[in-house]
Each structure stands twice: as structure tokens, then as C-alpha cells.
N, C-alpha and C. Protein backbone atom coordinates (compact mmCIF):
# COMPACT_ATOMS: atom_id res chain seq x y z
N MET A 1 -1.83 101.08 -21.63
CA MET A 1 -0.60 100.59 -20.71
C MET A 1 0.08 102.62 -20.78
N LYS A 2 0.74 103.18 -20.08
CA LYS A 2 1.75 104.40 -20.42
C LYS A 2 3.49 103.78 -20.77
N PRO A 3 3.72 104.63 -21.81
CA PRO A 3 4.83 104.25 -21.51
C PRO A 3 6.30 103.84 -21.25
N GLN A 4 5.56 104.82 -20.18
CA GLN A 4 6.85 104.59 -19.04
C GLN A 4 6.85 103.76 -18.37
N LYS A 5 5.55 102.89 -18.31
CA LYS A 5 5.24 101.77 -17.53
C LYS A 5 5.92 100.73 -18.26
N VAL A 6 5.83 100.69 -19.10
CA VAL A 6 5.59 100.05 -20.41
C VAL A 6 7.70 99.59 -19.96
N LEU A 7 7.86 100.63 -20.44
CA LEU A 7 9.50 100.49 -20.09
C LEU A 7 10.07 99.73 -18.80
N ARG A 8 9.57 100.69 -17.82
CA ARG A 8 10.14 100.28 -16.46
C ARG A 8 9.71 98.60 -16.12
N GLU A 9 8.69 98.04 -16.62
CA GLU A 9 8.42 96.60 -16.55
C GLU A 9 9.05 95.86 -17.58
N LEU A 10 9.81 96.75 -18.45
CA LEU A 10 11.18 95.66 -19.30
C LEU A 10 12.24 95.77 -18.80
N PHE A 11 12.32 97.01 -17.84
CA PHE A 11 14.19 96.88 -17.50
C PHE A 11 14.35 96.49 -15.95
N VAL A 12 12.90 97.48 -15.26
CA VAL A 12 13.13 97.33 -13.98
C VAL A 12 12.15 96.05 -12.74
N GLN A 13 12.69 95.69 -12.23
CA GLN A 13 11.90 94.32 -11.58
C GLN A 13 11.61 94.96 -10.33
N ASP A 14 10.32 94.69 -10.07
CA ASP A 14 9.92 95.26 -7.71
C ASP A 14 9.94 96.49 -8.06
N ASP A 15 11.07 97.11 -6.99
CA ASP A 15 11.29 98.03 -6.21
C ASP A 15 11.93 98.78 -6.67
N GLY A 16 12.48 98.97 -8.06
CA GLY A 16 13.23 99.73 -8.60
C GLY A 16 15.03 99.74 -8.96
N THR A 17 15.39 98.36 -7.75
CA THR A 17 17.16 98.09 -7.18
C THR A 17 17.36 96.90 -8.04
N PHE A 18 16.68 96.45 -8.27
CA PHE A 18 16.82 95.77 -9.44
C PHE A 18 16.50 94.81 -10.06
N TYR A 19 17.63 94.84 -11.16
CA TYR A 19 17.19 95.07 -13.04
C TYR A 19 16.51 93.76 -13.37
N CYS A 20 16.34 93.79 -14.41
CA CYS A 20 16.39 92.83 -15.55
C CYS A 20 17.64 92.00 -16.24
N THR A 21 17.01 90.91 -16.40
CA THR A 21 18.84 90.90 -17.20
C THR A 21 19.43 91.68 -18.25
N SER A 22 18.56 92.10 -19.52
CA SER A 22 18.61 92.84 -20.84
C SER A 22 19.49 94.24 -19.81
N HIS A 23 18.88 94.81 -18.81
CA HIS A 23 19.33 96.22 -18.55
C HIS A 23 20.29 95.90 -17.91
N PHE A 24 20.76 94.97 -16.81
CA PHE A 24 22.02 94.57 -16.09
C PHE A 24 23.64 94.68 -16.72
N ARG A 25 22.46 93.41 -17.58
CA ARG A 25 24.00 93.39 -18.54
C ARG A 25 24.07 94.94 -19.90
N HIS A 26 23.55 96.54 -19.75
CA HIS A 26 23.69 97.31 -20.49
C HIS A 26 24.36 97.80 -19.49
N MET A 27 23.85 97.58 -18.04
CA MET A 27 24.45 98.60 -16.91
C MET A 27 26.19 98.28 -17.13
N LEU A 28 26.35 96.86 -17.01
CA LEU A 28 27.82 96.20 -16.44
C LEU A 28 28.69 97.11 -17.84
N ARG A 29 28.24 97.00 -19.31
CA ARG A 29 28.66 97.40 -20.62
C ARG A 29 29.25 99.15 -19.65
N MET A 30 28.30 99.83 -19.71
CA MET A 30 28.30 100.86 -19.40
C MET A 30 29.18 101.18 -18.21
N GLU A 31 29.09 100.84 -17.21
CA GLU A 31 30.25 100.23 -16.70
C GLU A 31 32.03 100.42 -16.85
N ARG A 32 31.65 99.07 -17.65
CA ARG A 32 33.46 98.72 -18.19
C ARG A 32 33.73 100.34 -18.94
N LYS A 33 33.08 100.47 -19.68
CA LYS A 33 33.14 102.08 -20.68
C LYS A 33 33.88 103.17 -19.91
N ARG A 34 32.70 103.42 -18.53
CA ARG A 34 33.35 104.70 -18.01
C ARG A 34 34.31 104.09 -17.03
N THR A 35 35.16 102.82 -16.71
CA THR A 35 35.97 102.36 -15.88
C THR A 35 37.44 102.96 -17.40
N ARG A 36 37.01 102.07 -17.93
CA ARG A 36 37.54 102.79 -19.02
C ARG A 36 38.51 104.09 -19.31
N ARG A 37 37.18 105.00 -19.33
CA ARG A 37 37.79 106.96 -18.93
C ARG A 37 38.19 107.10 -17.80
N SER A 38 37.96 106.06 -16.93
CA SER A 38 38.06 106.99 -15.48
C SER A 38 39.30 106.41 -15.08
N GLY A 39 39.66 105.10 -15.28
CA GLY A 39 40.48 104.51 -14.93
C GLY A 39 40.21 104.00 -12.88
N LYS A 40 38.76 103.97 -12.58
CA LYS A 40 38.74 103.75 -11.47
C LYS A 40 37.73 101.86 -11.84
N PRO A 41 38.22 101.11 -10.49
CA PRO A 41 38.28 99.55 -11.00
C PRO A 41 36.42 99.79 -10.26
N PHE A 42 35.75 98.50 -10.65
CA PHE A 42 34.93 98.17 -9.93
C PHE A 42 35.00 97.11 -9.77
N LEU A 43 34.08 96.28 -9.22
CA LEU A 43 34.00 94.49 -9.12
C LEU A 43 32.87 94.45 -9.33
N LEU A 44 32.53 93.04 -10.05
CA LEU A 44 31.31 92.32 -10.35
C LEU A 44 31.14 91.22 -9.14
N MET A 45 30.44 91.34 -8.39
CA MET A 45 30.12 90.00 -7.63
C MET A 45 29.23 89.31 -8.72
N LEU A 46 28.80 87.80 -9.31
CA LEU A 46 28.05 86.89 -9.53
C LEU A 46 27.95 86.11 -8.22
N ILE A 47 26.41 85.42 -8.05
CA ILE A 47 26.24 84.97 -7.26
C ILE A 47 25.21 83.61 -8.31
N ASN A 48 25.71 82.61 -8.20
CA ASN A 48 25.13 81.01 -9.40
C ASN A 48 23.85 80.46 -7.98
N LEU A 49 22.87 80.27 -8.29
CA LEU A 49 22.27 79.98 -7.74
C LEU A 49 21.20 78.82 -8.80
N SER A 50 22.19 78.48 -9.61
CA SER A 50 21.58 76.98 -10.17
C SER A 50 20.97 75.90 -9.26
N GLU A 51 22.22 75.34 -8.47
CA GLU A 51 21.90 74.29 -7.56
C GLU A 51 20.52 74.46 -6.47
N LEU A 52 19.90 75.74 -6.71
CA LEU A 52 19.07 75.91 -5.98
C LEU A 52 17.27 75.77 -6.98
N GLN A 53 17.62 75.39 -8.11
CA GLN A 53 17.10 75.48 -9.42
C GLN A 53 15.85 74.01 -9.41
N THR A 54 15.16 73.91 -8.01
CA THR A 54 14.45 72.45 -7.93
C THR A 54 13.02 73.23 -7.78
N ARG A 55 12.24 72.34 -7.88
CA ARG A 55 10.91 72.58 -6.81
C ARG A 55 10.81 72.48 -5.36
N GLN A 56 12.10 72.28 -5.02
CA GLN A 56 11.65 72.19 -3.15
C GLN A 56 12.28 73.23 -2.79
N TYR A 57 12.43 74.64 -3.65
CA TYR A 57 12.61 75.85 -3.31
C TYR A 57 12.03 76.93 -4.12
N SER A 58 11.17 78.19 -3.43
CA SER A 58 10.61 78.80 -3.48
C SER A 58 11.06 79.70 -4.34
N SER A 59 9.94 80.91 -4.67
CA SER A 59 10.24 82.12 -5.02
C SER A 59 10.80 82.94 -4.48
N HIS A 60 10.35 82.52 -3.02
CA HIS A 60 10.51 83.58 -1.73
C HIS A 60 12.07 83.05 -1.42
N MET A 61 12.43 82.30 -1.39
CA MET A 61 13.70 81.90 -1.02
C MET A 61 14.40 82.71 -1.94
N LEU A 62 13.87 82.98 -3.57
CA LEU A 62 14.89 83.50 -4.31
C LEU A 62 15.00 84.97 -3.74
N GLU A 63 13.59 85.44 -3.52
CA GLU A 63 13.34 87.13 -3.39
C GLU A 63 14.38 87.82 -1.78
N GLN A 64 14.82 86.37 -1.14
CA GLN A 64 15.58 86.30 0.01
C GLN A 64 16.82 86.75 0.03
N ILE A 65 17.22 86.18 -0.81
CA ILE A 65 18.58 86.23 -1.76
C ILE A 65 18.69 87.58 -2.40
N LYS A 66 17.18 87.86 -2.82
CA LYS A 66 17.84 89.54 -4.08
C LYS A 66 17.67 89.83 -2.52
N GLU A 67 16.68 90.26 -1.45
CA GLU A 67 16.66 91.23 -0.19
C GLU A 67 18.17 91.42 0.14
N ALA A 68 19.06 90.01 0.54
CA ALA A 68 20.54 90.08 0.82
C ALA A 68 21.43 90.28 0.62
N LEU A 69 21.47 90.28 -1.42
CA LEU A 69 21.74 91.13 -1.96
C LEU A 69 21.68 92.77 -1.98
N VAL A 70 20.61 93.16 -1.71
CA VAL A 70 19.86 94.64 -2.18
C VAL A 70 20.81 95.34 -0.71
N SER A 71 20.41 94.21 0.54
CA SER A 71 21.21 95.14 1.96
C SER A 71 22.47 94.72 1.67
N SER A 72 23.28 93.91 1.05
CA SER A 72 24.84 94.26 0.87
C SER A 72 25.74 95.03 0.14
N SER A 73 24.42 95.96 -0.46
CA SER A 73 25.34 96.23 -1.48
C SER A 73 24.86 98.13 -0.62
N ARG A 74 25.33 99.38 -1.32
CA ARG A 74 25.07 100.48 -0.97
C ARG A 74 24.22 100.67 -2.33
N GLU A 75 24.02 101.96 -1.87
CA GLU A 75 22.58 103.16 -3.12
C GLU A 75 23.15 102.69 -4.38
N THR A 76 24.72 103.41 -4.30
CA THR A 76 25.12 103.70 -5.97
C THR A 76 25.46 102.26 -6.27
N ASP A 77 25.10 101.02 -5.98
CA ASP A 77 26.10 99.79 -6.68
C ASP A 77 24.65 99.31 -7.55
N ILE A 78 24.85 98.83 -8.00
CA ILE A 78 24.05 98.18 -10.00
C ILE A 78 23.41 96.79 -9.10
N ARG A 79 22.20 96.00 -9.17
CA ARG A 79 22.17 94.49 -8.36
C ARG A 79 20.59 94.58 -9.59
N GLY A 80 20.99 92.73 -10.21
CA GLY A 80 20.68 92.49 -10.72
C GLY A 80 20.28 91.17 -11.22
N TRP A 81 19.49 91.13 -12.33
CA TRP A 81 19.96 89.12 -12.52
C TRP A 81 21.02 89.26 -13.90
N TYR A 82 21.86 88.70 -13.49
CA TYR A 82 22.79 88.42 -15.11
C TYR A 82 22.43 87.81 -15.91
N GLU A 83 21.87 86.26 -15.63
CA GLU A 83 21.29 85.38 -16.33
C GLU A 83 20.04 84.96 -15.75
N HIS A 84 18.83 85.80 -15.85
CA HIS A 84 17.62 85.27 -15.22
C HIS A 84 17.40 84.08 -14.77
N SER A 85 17.26 84.42 -13.27
CA SER A 85 16.69 83.07 -12.27
C SER A 85 17.76 81.80 -11.53
N LYS A 86 19.12 82.75 -12.42
CA LYS A 86 19.97 81.57 -12.51
C LYS A 86 21.61 81.91 -11.84
N ILE A 87 21.08 83.40 -12.04
CA ILE A 87 22.39 84.00 -11.71
C ILE A 87 22.66 85.54 -11.19
N MET A 88 22.46 85.90 -9.64
CA MET A 88 22.34 87.17 -9.20
C MET A 88 23.45 87.89 -9.73
N GLY A 89 23.39 89.36 -9.77
CA GLY A 89 24.73 90.27 -9.92
C GLY A 89 24.48 91.40 -9.00
N ALA A 90 26.12 91.96 -9.24
CA ALA A 90 26.13 93.28 -8.31
C ALA A 90 27.24 93.43 -8.88
N ILE A 91 26.79 94.99 -9.13
CA ILE A 91 28.33 96.15 -9.75
C ILE A 91 28.73 97.06 -8.56
N PHE A 92 29.51 96.71 -7.96
CA PHE A 92 30.23 97.81 -7.08
C PHE A 92 30.75 99.00 -7.50
N THR A 93 30.32 100.05 -7.53
CA THR A 93 30.74 101.45 -8.58
C THR A 93 31.41 102.20 -7.56
N GLU A 94 32.26 103.13 -7.67
CA GLU A 94 32.83 104.17 -7.09
C GLU A 94 33.65 103.92 -6.11
N MET A 95 34.66 103.06 -6.59
CA MET A 95 35.68 102.18 -5.48
C MET A 95 36.30 102.73 -5.84
N ASN A 96 37.25 103.78 -4.38
CA ASN A 96 38.54 104.00 -5.29
C ASN A 96 40.33 103.00 -5.25
N SER A 97 40.06 101.65 -4.78
CA SER A 97 41.00 100.40 -5.24
C SER A 97 39.74 99.28 -4.89
N VAL A 98 40.09 98.35 -5.66
CA VAL A 98 39.49 97.13 -5.30
C VAL A 98 40.69 96.39 -4.65
N ASP A 99 40.52 95.61 -3.36
CA ASP A 99 41.78 94.99 -3.06
C ASP A 99 41.11 94.38 -2.07
N ASN A 100 42.44 92.71 -2.06
CA ASN A 100 41.47 92.00 -0.68
C ASN A 100 40.29 92.18 0.62
N THR A 101 41.00 93.21 1.03
CA THR A 101 40.85 93.62 2.01
C THR A 101 39.55 94.17 1.66
N SER A 102 38.87 95.03 0.60
CA SER A 102 37.70 95.40 0.15
C SER A 102 36.69 94.62 -0.05
N MET A 103 36.95 93.04 -1.04
CA MET A 103 36.51 92.17 -1.75
C MET A 103 36.23 91.72 -0.39
N GLU A 104 36.89 91.05 0.86
CA GLU A 104 36.55 90.48 2.02
C GLU A 104 35.41 90.66 2.70
N LYS A 105 35.42 91.64 3.01
CA LYS A 105 34.36 92.47 3.60
C LYS A 105 33.12 92.72 2.73
N ILE A 106 33.08 92.98 1.26
CA ILE A 106 32.14 92.89 0.75
C ILE A 106 31.01 91.55 0.57
N PHE A 107 32.30 90.18 0.44
CA PHE A 107 31.86 88.63 0.55
C PHE A 107 31.51 88.54 1.81
N LYS A 108 32.00 89.52 2.99
CA LYS A 108 31.06 88.41 4.18
C LYS A 108 29.88 89.22 4.44
N LYS A 109 29.63 90.45 4.43
CA LYS A 109 28.29 91.12 4.50
C LYS A 109 27.46 89.91 3.31
N LEU A 110 27.18 90.02 2.83
CA LEU A 110 26.75 89.36 1.82
C LEU A 110 26.86 88.11 2.40
N TYR A 111 27.33 86.89 2.73
CA TYR A 111 27.47 85.54 3.55
C TYR A 111 26.16 85.92 4.27
N ASN A 112 27.06 86.32 5.32
CA ASN A 112 25.72 86.69 6.78
C ASN A 112 24.48 86.64 6.86
N ASN A 113 23.65 88.20 5.16
CA ASN A 113 23.18 88.25 5.16
C ASN A 113 22.74 87.09 4.69
N ILE A 114 22.77 86.13 3.77
CA ILE A 114 22.40 85.19 2.94
C ILE A 114 21.67 84.30 4.27
N SER A 115 23.09 84.01 4.85
CA SER A 115 23.20 83.20 6.28
C SER A 115 22.39 83.08 6.94
N THR A 116 21.68 84.44 7.19
CA THR A 116 20.64 85.30 8.37
C THR A 116 19.03 84.53 7.79
N SER A 117 18.98 84.38 6.41
CA SER A 117 17.50 84.70 5.74
C SER A 117 17.91 82.98 5.53
N LEU A 118 18.46 82.51 5.47
CA LEU A 118 18.38 81.05 4.31
C LEU A 118 18.93 79.88 6.08
N GLY A 119 20.04 80.13 6.00
CA GLY A 119 20.64 79.13 6.66
C GLY A 119 22.03 78.79 6.19
N THR A 120 22.62 78.51 7.05
CA THR A 120 24.04 77.71 6.17
C THR A 120 23.51 76.15 5.43
N GLU A 121 22.76 75.69 5.24
CA GLU A 121 22.25 74.49 4.41
C GLU A 121 22.13 74.37 3.00
N LEU A 122 21.41 75.62 3.35
CA LEU A 122 21.56 76.73 1.96
C LEU A 122 21.93 76.91 1.16
N LEU A 123 22.86 77.61 1.79
CA LEU A 123 23.95 78.59 1.89
C LEU A 123 24.83 77.89 0.80
N LYS A 124 25.69 76.65 1.32
CA LYS A 124 26.50 75.35 0.38
C LYS A 124 25.84 75.56 -0.38
N LYS A 125 24.93 75.82 -1.19
CA LYS A 125 24.03 75.18 -2.63
C LYS A 125 24.38 76.22 -3.81
N ILE A 126 25.08 78.18 -2.87
CA ILE A 126 25.16 79.34 -3.76
C ILE A 126 26.80 79.37 -4.09
N GLU A 127 26.77 79.47 -5.34
CA GLU A 127 28.39 79.97 -5.58
C GLU A 127 28.57 81.36 -5.60
N ILE A 128 29.67 82.31 -4.67
CA ILE A 128 29.77 83.44 -4.97
C ILE A 128 31.49 83.82 -5.94
N SER A 129 30.76 84.54 -6.69
CA SER A 129 32.42 84.70 -7.49
C SER A 129 32.45 86.31 -7.36
N LEU A 130 33.43 86.16 -7.72
CA LEU A 130 34.10 88.45 -7.41
C LEU A 130 35.43 88.61 -8.81
N HIS A 131 34.58 89.00 -9.66
CA HIS A 131 35.47 89.56 -10.74
C HIS A 131 35.78 91.22 -10.60
N VAL A 132 37.31 91.27 -10.39
CA VAL A 132 37.43 92.87 -10.74
C VAL A 132 38.12 93.26 -11.83
N PHE A 133 36.94 94.73 -11.81
CA PHE A 133 37.38 95.51 -13.64
C PHE A 133 38.45 96.16 -13.57
N LYS A 134 39.55 96.34 -14.11
CA LYS A 134 40.55 97.47 -14.47
C LYS A 134 40.93 97.76 -15.63
N PHE A 135 41.36 99.42 -15.89
CA PHE A 135 42.13 99.32 -17.23
C PHE A 135 43.64 99.86 -16.86
N PRO A 136 44.57 99.59 -17.94
CA PRO A 136 44.31 98.66 -19.12
C PRO A 136 43.69 97.40 -18.59
N GLU A 137 43.16 96.56 -19.64
CA GLU A 137 42.73 95.05 -19.52
C GLU A 137 43.29 94.41 -19.05
N GLU A 138 45.21 94.58 -19.82
CA GLU A 138 45.82 93.21 -18.79
C GLU A 138 46.26 93.40 -17.53
N GLU A 139 45.31 94.34 -16.81
CA GLU A 139 45.54 94.27 -15.05
C GLU A 139 44.49 93.36 -14.71
N ASN A 140 42.88 93.48 -15.63
CA ASN A 140 42.44 92.80 -15.24
C ASN A 140 42.18 91.58 -14.63
N LYS A 141 41.89 91.45 -12.83
CA LYS A 141 42.04 89.84 -12.35
C LYS A 141 40.74 89.20 -11.90
N GLU A 142 40.69 88.27 -12.25
CA GLU A 142 39.14 87.57 -11.89
C GLU A 142 39.29 87.09 -10.97
N LEU A 143 39.07 86.37 -9.89
CA LEU A 143 38.86 86.36 -8.65
C LEU A 143 40.10 86.36 -7.69
N ILE A 144 40.22 87.57 -7.21
CA ILE A 144 41.90 88.14 -6.56
C ILE A 144 42.54 87.16 -5.15
N ALA A 145 41.36 86.47 -4.36
CA ALA A 145 41.93 85.72 -3.95
C ALA A 145 40.46 84.60 -3.28
N PRO A 146 40.99 83.60 -4.47
CA PRO A 146 39.83 82.06 -5.20
C PRO A 146 40.39 81.75 -3.69
N GLU A 147 40.44 81.55 -2.50
CA GLU A 147 40.45 80.70 -1.62
C GLU A 147 39.60 81.02 -0.62
N LEU A 148 39.26 82.63 -0.82
CA LEU A 148 38.52 82.87 0.14
C LEU A 148 36.88 83.45 -0.06
N TYR A 149 36.75 82.71 -1.75
CA TYR A 149 35.57 82.89 -1.83
C TYR A 149 35.11 81.90 -2.73
N SER A 150 35.70 80.69 -2.75
CA SER A 150 35.58 79.08 -3.56
C SER A 150 34.57 78.47 -3.02
N LYS A 151 33.59 77.75 -3.34
CA LYS A 151 32.06 76.90 -3.04
C LYS A 151 32.81 76.19 -1.94
N SER A 152 34.16 75.53 -1.42
CA SER A 152 34.13 74.88 -0.66
C SER A 152 34.21 75.78 0.59
N SER A 153 34.92 76.92 0.67
CA SER A 153 35.21 77.48 1.54
C SER A 153 33.40 78.07 2.67
N LEU A 154 32.61 77.55 1.84
CA LEU A 154 31.10 78.34 2.69
C LEU A 154 30.47 77.05 2.76
N SER A 155 31.47 76.15 2.78
CA SER A 155 30.84 74.63 3.36
C SER A 155 31.30 74.90 5.42
């Protein structure tokens, strides 16, 4: 096997738009460093699928969620496993500002895409959280508008 193919299999899954855990976390560290240097914030979205991890839910369903995440983000954003087979993540990069309006727009787009793929009953088992990274660090906030993004709001 060629070294390039081995490296690709270690870091990138499927079509190259969804990273494995180690590479995704590496990209998250790199984005934090970039944000510290540039002062531009970024948004981390985590999609907790732990409640879907039973035998009745197939890997096909995870693929549908992954596709919904990819279609809900831009080409410049980074998507992958934050924790393999449990938590998907997306790093929304190159944002001039992160406010409630932009977060709500991103959240609703993902919510609608997943709802279309899986239906609202399965969507209730998914927990989505948003985390804003700004520097200086004391300005960092997790979940600017928790009432918009809490699990109960998905019911």
C-alpha cells in the first residue's frame, strides 16, 4: 500500500470531507491557535449521538446524519468525529463574528437537514451544542443562547 493512501486512511474517512477523531481534534487545536493569532472567532458544533447507539439504529443512519452535517456547512468548515461513533463535530471557520443570529441560522439549517433525513422522533435523541471560541480567553462563552439549542427545544 502506498504511504499516501495509508496516511489518508489514518486521517480522513470516506470522501475526504469528514475527519477521524485524531485529525479532527488536531484541526481543532490548529483553529484555536489561528483564532488566538487573528482574533477572529470560530464556532464549534457538537452533535451527541450517544442515545442512538443501540442495535436498532444502523450505520446507515449515522451516514445520513454525517451527510446532513456536511450539507449544512461550507467548504471551508471542518467536519469529523469529536469522539468516534458518539459525537460528530463541525468547526465553522472564517467567521467575522459569532452572534445569536448566525448561530441560530447554522443550527436551524442542520436541524432541518437532519429532520428531513431521519424524522423528528429520532431527532429528539440527538443533542446539539454550540461553543464559541474567542480570544482573549475570558471572552469565551459556551452556548450563547442555551434556550435555542437545548435538547428540550428539539422536542
